[in-house]
Amino acid sequence: MARAGLSPAPRRSGPTWKQFLTAQAQSIIATDFFHVETVSGVRLYALFFIEHATRRVHLPA
């Protein structure tokens, strides 16, 4: 890019990724879905949600 006469973009003055994610942690919810095979051959499924701010796990009914 330097050979083409393009200089790098100016540094942004906003928050870092860590600061941004920390500020947004109150509203970030992760989800996961998995299955396991039991000894009897029955497949069980699980869906759950995790609140990042409190690390609280929610299992839908």
Protein backbone atom coordinates (compact mmCIF):
# COMPACT_ATOMS: atom_id res chain seq x y z
CA MET A 1 0.00 0.00 0.00
CA ALA A 2 2.92 2.33 0.72
CA ARG A 3 4.18 1.88 -2.86
CA ALA A 4 0.73 2.89 -4.11
CA GLY A 5 0.92 6.08 -2.03
CA LEU A 6 -1.69 4.98 0.48
CA SER A 7 -0.98 5.70 4.10
CA PRO A 8 -2.52 3.72 6.96
CA ALA A 9 -5.84 4.82 8.37
CA PRO A 10 -5.61 7.06 11.43
CA ARG A 11 -5.90 5.41 14.85
CA ARG A 12 -9.43 5.35 16.17
CA SER A 13 -10.07 7.04 19.47
CA GLY A 14 -12.97 4.77 20.43
CA PRO A 15 -12.91 2.02 23.03
CA THR A 16 -10.80 -1.12 22.69
CA TRP A 17 -12.51 -4.45 22.03
CA LYS A 18 -12.11 -5.39 25.69
CA GLN A 19 -13.71 -2.13 26.83
CA PHE A 20 -16.52 -2.53 24.31
CA LEU A 21 -17.30 -6.13 25.28
CA THR A 22 -17.14 -5.31 28.99
CA ALA A 23 -19.62 -2.46 28.48
CA GLN A 24 -21.93 -4.70 26.43
CA ALA A 25 -21.72 -7.74 28.75
CA GLN A 26 -25.04 -6.84 30.39
CA SER A 27 -26.85 -7.63 27.16
CA ILE A 28 -24.73 -10.44 25.68
CA ILE A 29 -26.34 -13.86 25.80
CA ALA A 30 -24.67 -16.95 24.39
CA THR A 31 -26.48 -20.12 23.40
CA ASP A 32 -25.46 -23.71 22.87
CA PHE A 33 -27.19 -26.85 21.69
CA PHE A 34 -25.82 -30.36 22.04
CA HIS A 35 -26.90 -33.99 22.27
CA VAL A 36 -25.65 -37.05 24.16
CA GLU A 37 -26.28 -40.74 23.65
CA THR A 38 -27.27 -42.59 26.80
CA VAL A 39 -26.14 -46.11 27.63
CA SER A 40 -29.56 -47.40 26.54
CA GLY A 41 -29.15 -45.76 23.11
CA VAL A 42 -31.59 -42.90 23.69
CA ARG A 43 -30.42 -39.54 22.35
CA LEU A 44 -31.01 -36.57 24.67
CA TYR A 45 -30.90 -32.98 23.43
CA ALA A 46 -30.05 -29.88 25.46
CA LEU A 47 -30.47 -26.21 24.61
CA PHE A 48 -29.30 -23.57 27.03
CA PHE A 49 -28.54 -19.86 27.24
CA ILE A 50 -25.83 -18.15 29.29
CA GLU A 51 -25.94 -14.51 30.43
CA HIS A 52 -22.36 -13.27 30.19
CA ALA A 53 -22.75 -10.58 32.84
CA THR A 54 -23.94 -12.96 35.57
CA ARG A 55 -22.87 -16.31 34.06
CA ARG A 56 -26.38 -17.48 34.78
CA VAL A 57 -27.58 -20.49 32.78
CA HIS A 58 -31.16 -20.72 31.49
CA LEU A 59 -32.71 -23.97 30.31
CA PRO A 60 -35.86 -23.48 28.21
CA ALA A 61 -38.78 -25.66 29.19
